[in-house]
């Protein structure tokens, strides 16, 4: 399991990010903003994104939209974390950094 080597705290690269409801009942991630990028101990670059649909654990063909930071489980160069994501989950998606 990779861990964050960028000097930021509160980052868990291996699963989903927890959320808290706001006054309107909308789930707000406890980390943000979307699109934040960090480097992991495994040499990969990770981007914080929101799953746009259900994504199977460790899917190696995810795409992340560069303007909305919504991830989909097909036609891309990112890998999803090792947990199955439901639509709307927030997580870190890995890509080769070189």
Protein backbone atom coordinates (compact mmCIF):
# COMPACT_ATOMS: atom_id res chain seq x y z
CA UNK A 1 0.00 0.00 0.00
CA UNK A 2 1.38 3.38 -1.02
CA UNK A 3 1.45 6.34 1.32
CA UNK A 4 1.63 10.08 0.68
CA UNK A 5 5.11 11.64 0.49
CA UNK A 6 3.90 15.17 -0.35
CA UNK A 7 3.92 17.35 2.78
CA UNK A 8 0.12 17.33 3.34
CA UNK A 9 -1.72 15.65 6.18
CA UNK A 10 -4.99 13.73 6.26
CA UNK A 11 -4.46 11.87 2.99
CA UNK A 12 -5.43 8.19 2.71
CA UNK A 13 -4.53 6.89 -0.75
CA UNK A 14 -5.92 3.37 -0.35
CA UNK A 15 -9.65 3.98 0.16
CA UNK A 16 -12.48 6.45 0.08
CA UNK A 17 -12.44 9.84 1.77
CA UNK A 18 -15.04 10.33 4.49
CA UNK A 19 -17.77 12.93 4.09
CA UNK A 20 -19.86 15.02 6.45
CA UNK A 21 -23.33 16.38 5.60
CA UNK A 22 -23.77 20.14 5.38
CA UNK A 23 -26.95 21.96 6.49
CA UNK A 24 -28.66 20.99 3.22
CA UNK A 25 -27.79 17.30 3.70
CA UNK A 26 -25.16 17.29 0.93
CA UNK A 27 -22.12 15.07 1.55
CA UNK A 28 -18.98 17.22 1.71
CA UNK A 29 -15.58 15.47 1.68
CA UNK A 30 -13.34 16.02 4.69
CA UNK A 31 -10.46 16.75 2.30
CA UNK A 32 -10.39 18.99 -0.74
CA UNK A 33 -10.41 20.52 -3.20
CA UNK A 34 -11.06 18.12 -6.05
CA UNK A 35 -8.08 17.98 -8.39
CA UNK A 36 -5.45 18.10 -5.64
CA UNK A 37 -2.40 16.09 -6.65
CA UNK A 38 0.18 14.36 -4.46
CA UNK A 39 2.99 11.87 -4.98
CA UNK A 40 2.95 8.45 -3.35
CA UNK A 41 5.75 6.29 -2.02
CA UNK A 42 5.20 3.95 -4.99
CA UNK A 43 6.35 6.65 -7.45
CA UNK A 44 2.85 7.36 -8.75
CA UNK A 45 1.01 10.67 -8.91
CA UNK A 46 -2.43 10.68 -7.27
CA UNK A 47 -5.32 13.01 -8.05
CA UNK A 48 -8.30 13.56 -5.73
CA UNK A 49 -11.54 13.01 -7.67
CA UNK A 50 -15.20 12.05 -7.31
CA UNK A 51 -16.50 8.78 -8.77
CA UNK A 52 -19.09 9.56 -11.44
CA UNK A 53 -20.40 5.97 -11.37
CA UNK A 54 -19.66 2.73 -9.56
CA UNK A 55 -16.02 1.73 -10.14
CA UNK A 56 -14.62 -1.71 -9.38
CA UNK A 57 -11.63 -1.95 -7.02
CA UNK A 58 -8.20 -1.48 -8.66
CA UNK A 59 -9.64 -0.68 -12.10
CA UNK A 60 -6.63 0.22 -14.26
CA UNK A 61 -8.48 2.08 -17.01
CA UNK A 62 -10.12 4.96 -15.15
CA UNK A 63 -10.33 8.43 -16.62
CA UNK A 64 -10.49 11.67 -14.66
CA UNK A 65 -12.05 14.74 -16.30
CA UNK A 66 -9.48 17.55 -16.13
CA UNK A 67 -12.04 20.30 -15.46
CA UNK A 68 -14.65 18.62 -13.21
CA UNK A 69 -12.42 15.94 -11.60
CA UNK A 70 -15.13 13.33 -11.99
CA UNK A 71 -13.74 9.82 -12.54
CA UNK A 72 -15.19 7.07 -14.71
CA UNK A 73 -14.18 3.42 -14.84
CA UNK A 74 -13.15 3.25 -18.48
CA UNK A 75 -10.85 4.58 -21.20
CA UNK A 76 -8.18 6.24 -19.14
CA UNK A 77 -4.73 5.97 -17.63
CA UNK A 78 -5.62 6.14 -13.92
CA UNK A 79 -6.05 3.28 -11.45
CA UNK A 80 -8.81 3.36 -8.83
CA UNK A 81 -8.03 2.53 -5.19
CA UNK A 82 -8.23 -1.07 -3.95
CA UNK A 83 -11.84 -0.64 -2.79
CA UNK A 84 -15.03 -0.63 -4.84
CA UNK A 85 -16.36 2.90 -5.25
CA UNK A 86 -20.02 3.87 -5.42
CA UNK A 87 -21.15 6.80 -7.52
CA UNK A 88 -20.39 9.97 -5.57
CA UNK A 89 -17.52 8.53 -3.50
CA UNK A 90 -14.37 10.64 -3.18
CA UNK A 91 -11.01 8.93 -3.58
CA UNK A 92 -7.43 9.18 -4.85
CA UNK A 93 -6.77 7.87 -8.37
CA UNK A 94 -3.21 6.84 -9.31
CA UNK A 95 -1.30 7.45 -12.54
CA UNK A 96 2.29 6.79 -13.53
CA UNK A 97 4.24 9.99 -12.85
CA UNK A 98 6.88 9.60 -15.58
